[in-house]
Amino acid sequence: MRELDQRTEDKKAEIDILAAEYISTVKTLSSAQRVEHLQKIQSAYSKCKEYSDDKVQLAMQTYEMVDKHIRRLDADLARFEADLKDRMDGSDFESTGSRSLKSKSESERKKKLSGPRQEDIRRGYPKEKEA
């Protein structure tokens, strides 16, 4: 890019010199010399435009490359966030699930230790069968 900038600046300086020469000598030049001098200026402008077009093309390629990398990073970030969320949800489920399993086993153990269930007592079921 710097090389293209330098070439463009050099060509613009050349155009300025050619234009100044043309303006200072236009009255003394023959028709053929005027045309020749103007063609030199026009050729220098064409070369300058070519360098500028190359700079634009390089800038567009650079932009597309950076944009491609940004899109890839965005996709990687989205995947990472989804994976992290899944892991967080999974760890919450495991910790919640283990808590609920623990509380169920504790409540079942308490029921066994406490004797007949309240429902059985209300219905009049005896603890033991009478013989």
C-alpha atoms as a PDB file:
ATOM      1  CA  MET A   1       0.000   0.000   0.000  1.00  0.00           C
ATOM      2  CA  ARG A   2       2.822   2.395   0.875  1.00  0.00           C
ATOM      3  CA  GLU A   3       4.562   1.565  -2.379  1.00  0.00           C
ATOM      4  CA  LEU A   4       1.385   2.360  -4.307  1.00  0.00           C
ATOM      5  CA  ASP A   5       0.986   5.592  -2.335  1.00  0.00           C
ATOM      6  CA  GLN A   6       4.556   6.592  -3.146  1.00  0.00           C
ATOM      7  CA  ARG A   7       4.134   5.783  -6.843  1.00  0.00           C
ATOM      8  CA  THR A   8       0.935   7.825  -6.942  1.00  0.00           C
ATOM      9  CA  GLU A   9       2.555  10.797  -5.211  1.00  0.00           C
ATOM     10  CA  ASP A  10       5.543  10.637  -7.567  1.00  0.00           C
ATOM     11  CA  LYS A  11       3.255  10.521 -10.592  1.00  0.00           C
ATOM     12  CA  LYS A  12       1.223  13.474  -9.271  1.00  0.00           C
ATOM     13  CA  ALA A  13       4.430  15.464  -8.851  1.00  0.00           C
ATOM     14  CA  GLU A  14       5.386  14.544 -12.423  1.00  0.00           C
ATOM     15  CA  ILE A  15       1.958  15.712 -13.625  1.00  0.00           C
ATOM     16  CA  ASP A  16       2.400  19.033 -11.799  1.00  0.00           C
ATOM     17  CA  ILE A  17       5.791  19.556 -13.465  1.00  0.00           C
ATOM     18  CA  LEU A  18       4.443  18.629 -16.918  1.00  0.00           C
ATOM     19  CA  ALA A  19       1.442  20.915 -16.468  1.00  0.00           C
ATOM     20  CA  ALA A  20       3.623  23.818 -15.329  1.00  0.00           C
ATOM     21  CA  GLU A  21       5.937  23.302 -18.327  1.00  0.00           C
ATOM     22  CA  TYR A  22       2.973  23.177 -20.673  1.00  0.00           C
ATOM     23  CA  ILE A  23       1.432  26.356 -19.288  1.00  0.00           C
ATOM     24  CA  SER A  24       4.710  28.259 -19.444  1.00  0.00           C
ATOM     25  CA  THR A  25       5.526  27.175 -23.015  1.00  0.00           C
ATOM     26  CA  VAL A  26       2.089  26.756 -24.620  1.00  0.00           C
ATOM     27  CA  LYS A  27       2.357  29.998 -26.617  1.00  0.00           C
ATOM     28  CA  THR A  28       5.667  29.013 -28.179  1.00  0.00           C
ATOM     29  CA  LEU A  29       4.863  25.368 -28.939  1.00  0.00           C
ATOM     30  CA  SER A  30       3.702  24.165 -32.301  1.00  0.00           C
ATOM     31  CA  SER A  31       0.422  22.324 -32.600  1.00  0.00           C
ATOM     32  CA  ALA A  32       2.155  18.928 -32.768  1.00  0.00           C
ATOM     33  CA  GLN A  33       4.288  19.746 -29.709  1.00  0.00           C
ATOM     34  CA  ARG A  34       1.180  20.805 -27.755  1.00  0.00           C
ATOM     35  CA  VAL A  35      -0.556  17.541 -28.600  1.00  0.00           C
ATOM     36  CA  GLU A  36       2.563  15.576 -27.643  1.00  0.00           C
ATOM     37  CA  HIS A  37       2.887  17.436 -24.330  1.00  0.00           C
ATOM     38  CA  LEU A  38      -0.815  16.971 -23.534  1.00  0.00           C
ATOM     39  CA  GLN A  39      -0.515  13.246 -24.327  1.00  0.00           C
ATOM     40  CA  LYS A  40       2.358  12.986 -21.817  1.00  0.00           C
ATOM     41  CA  ILE A  41       0.168  14.656 -19.183  1.00  0.00           C
ATOM     42  CA  GLN A  42      -2.762  12.433 -20.068  1.00  0.00           C
ATOM     43  CA  SER A  43      -0.559   9.324 -19.924  1.00  0.00           C
ATOM     44  CA  ALA A  44       0.709  10.357 -16.483  1.00  0.00           C
ATOM     45  CA  TYR A  45      -2.895  10.885 -15.309  1.00  0.00           C
ATOM     46  CA  SER A  46      -3.837   7.431 -16.628  1.00  0.00           C
ATOM     47  CA  LYS A  47      -0.917   5.859 -14.758  1.00  0.00           C
ATOM     48  CA  CYS A  48      -1.887   7.758 -11.603  1.00  0.00           C
ATOM     49  CA  LYS A  49      -5.476   6.513 -11.928  1.00  0.00           C
ATOM     50  CA  GLU A  50      -4.186   2.963 -12.430  1.00  0.00           C
ATOM     51  CA  TYR A  51      -2.178   3.197  -9.196  1.00  0.00           C
ATOM     52  CA  SER A  52      -5.215   4.587  -7.394  1.00  0.00           C
ATOM     53  CA  ASP A  53      -7.393   1.756  -8.724  1.00  0.00           C
ATOM     54  CA  ASP A  54      -4.786  -0.745  -7.508  1.00  0.00           C
ATOM     55  CA  LYS A  55      -4.905   0.875  -4.067  1.00  0.00           C
ATOM     56  CA  VAL A  56      -8.708   0.636  -3.999  1.00  0.00           C
ATOM     57  CA  GLN A  57      -8.548  -3.015  -5.070  1.00  0.00           C
ATOM     58  CA  LEU A  58      -5.983  -3.807  -2.374  1.00  0.00           C
ATOM     59  CA  ALA A  59      -8.094  -2.014   0.238  1.00  0.00           C
ATOM     60  CA  MET A  60     -11.180  -3.995  -0.814  1.00  0.00           C
ATOM     61  CA  GLN A  61      -9.283  -7.298  -0.634  1.00  0.00           C
ATOM     62  CA  THR A  62      -7.967  -6.381   2.804  1.00  0.00           C
ATOM     63  CA  TYR A  63     -11.464  -5.418   3.964  1.00  0.00           C
ATOM     64  CA  GLU A  64     -12.926  -8.702   2.689  1.00  0.00           C
ATOM     65  CA  MET A  65     -10.180 -10.695   4.396  1.00  0.00           C
ATOM     66  CA  VAL A  66     -10.714  -8.894   7.708  1.00  0.00           C
ATOM     67  CA  ASP A  67     -14.501  -9.242   7.365  1.00  0.00           C
ATOM     68  CA  LYS A  68     -14.119 -12.984   6.722  1.00  0.00           C
ATOM     69  CA  HIS A  69     -12.001 -13.363   9.856  1.00  0.00           C
ATOM     70  CA  ILE A  70     -14.485 -11.319  11.900  1.00  0.00           C
ATOM     71  CA  ARG A  71     -17.364 -13.527  10.729  1.00  0.00           C
ATOM     72  CA  ARG A  72     -15.361 -16.634  11.625  1.00  0.00           C
ATOM     73  CA  LEU A  73     -14.558 -15.206  15.063  1.00  0.00           C
ATOM     74  CA  ASP A  74     -18.238 -14.300  15.578  1.00  0.00           C
ATOM     75  CA  ALA A  75     -19.229 -17.873  14.707  1.00  0.00           C
ATOM     76  CA  ASP A  76     -16.566 -19.261  17.048  1.00  0.00           C
ATOM     77  CA  LEU A  77     -17.751 -16.946  19.814  1.00  0.00           C
ATOM     78  CA  ALA A  78     -21.385 -17.979  19.318  1.00  0.00           C
ATOM     79  CA  ARG A  79     -20.364 -21.652  19.419  1.00  0.00           C
ATOM     80  CA  PHE A  80     -18.295 -21.047  22.530  1.00  0.00           C
ATOM     81  CA  GLU A  81     -21.150 -19.203  24.260  1.00  0.00           C
ATOM     82  CA  ALA A  82     -23.606 -21.978  23.359  1.00  0.00           C
ATOM     83  CA  ASP A  83     -21.179 -24.611  24.619  1.00  0.00           C
ATOM     84  CA  LEU A  84     -20.620 -22.658  27.812  1.00  0.00           C
ATOM     85  CA  LYS A  85     -24.377 -22.259  28.300  1.00  0.00           C
ATOM     86  CA  ASP A  86     -24.893 -25.994  27.753  1.00  0.00           C
ATOM     87  CA  ARG A  87     -22.198 -26.765  30.295  1.00  0.00           C
ATOM     88  CA  MET A  88     -23.703 -24.316  32.774  1.00  0.00           C
ATOM     89  CA  ASP A  89     -27.198 -25.745  32.235  1.00  0.00           C
ATOM     90  CA  GLY A  90     -25.807 -29.260  32.545  1.00  0.00           C
ATOM     91  CA  SER A  91     -24.035 -28.462  35.797  1.00  0.00           C
ATOM     92  CA  ASP A  92     -27.198 -26.795  37.157  1.00  0.00           C
ATOM     93  CA  PHE A  93     -29.211 -29.860  36.167  1.00  0.00           C
ATOM     94  CA  GLU A  94     -26.708 -32.195  37.775  1.00  0.00           C
ATOM     95  CA  SER A  95     -26.549 -30.191  40.969  1.00  0.00           C
ATOM     96  CA  THR A  96     -30.358 -29.744  41.059  1.00  0.00           C
ATOM     97  CA  GLY A  97     -30.877 -33.371  40.138  1.00  0.00           C
ATOM     98  CA  SER A  98     -28.509 -34.606  42.802  1.00  0.00           C
ATOM     99  CA  ARG A  99     -30.206 -32.355  45.353  1.00  0.00           C
ATOM    100  CA  SER A 100     -33.635 -33.695  44.454  1.00  0.00           C
ATOM    101  CA  LEU A 101     -32.362 -37.272  44.578  1.00  0.00           C
ATOM    102  CA  LYS A 102     -30.764 -36.571  47.929  1.00  0.00           C
ATOM    103  CA  SER A 103     -33.933 -35.014  49.324  1.00  0.00           C
ATOM    104  CA  LYS A 104     -36.026 -37.940  48.037  1.00  0.00           C
ATOM    105  CA  SER A 105     -33.775 -40.497  49.670  1.00  0.00           C
ATOM    106  CA  GLU A 106     -33.796 -38.525  52.921  1.00  0.00           C
ATOM    107  CA  SER A 107     -37.600 -38.281  52.934  1.00  0.00           C
ATOM    108  CA  GLU A 108     -37.966 -42.002  52.170  1.00  0.00           C
ATOM    109  CA  ARG A 109     -35.573 -42.843  54.994  1.00  0.00           C
ATOM    110  CA  LYS A 110     -37.534 -40.637  57.414  1.00  0.00           C
ATOM    111  CA  LYS A 111     -40.801 -42.312  56.416  1.00  0.00           C
ATOM    112  CA  LYS A 112     -39.367 -45.742  57.121  1.00  0.00           C
ATOM    113  CA  LEU A 113     -38.071 -44.648  60.489  1.00  0.00           C
ATOM    114  CA  SER A 114     -41.204 -42.824  61.573  1.00  0.00           C
ATOM    115  CA  GLY A 115     -43.519 -45.803  61.374  1.00  0.00           C
ATOM    116  CA  PRO A 116     -46.937 -45.874  59.731  1.00  0.00           C
ATOM    117  CA  ARG A 117     -47.857 -43.155  57.342  1.00  0.00           C
ATOM    118  CA  GLN A 118     -50.370 -40.551  58.417  1.00  0.00           C
ATOM    119  CA  GLU A 119     -52.790 -41.838  55.777  1.00  0.00           C
ATOM    120  CA  ASP A 120     -52.669 -45.331  57.269  1.00  0.00           C
ATOM    121  CA  ILE A 121     -53.422 -44.015  60.753  1.00  0.00           C
ATOM    122  CA  ARG A 122     -56.379 -41.952  59.505  1.00  0.00           C
ATOM    123  CA  ARG A 123     -57.837 -44.977  57.777  1.00  0.00           C
ATOM    124  CA  GLY A 124     -57.451 -47.089  60.863  1.00  0.00           C
ATOM    125  CA  TYR A 125     -54.951 -49.525  59.500  1.00  0.00           C
ATOM    126  CA  PRO A 126     -53.106 -51.231  62.342  1.00  0.00           C
ATOM    127  CA  LYS A 127     -49.353 -51.460  62.367  1.00  0.00           C
ATOM    128  CA  GLU A 128     -49.461 -55.172  62.819  1.00  0.00           C
ATOM    129  CA  LYS A 129     -52.019 -57.745  61.854  1.00  0.00           C
ATOM    130  CA  GLU A 130     -54.050 -59.161  64.658  1.00  0.00           C
ATOM    131  CA  ALA A 131     -53.911 -62.898  64.949  1.00  0.00           C
END
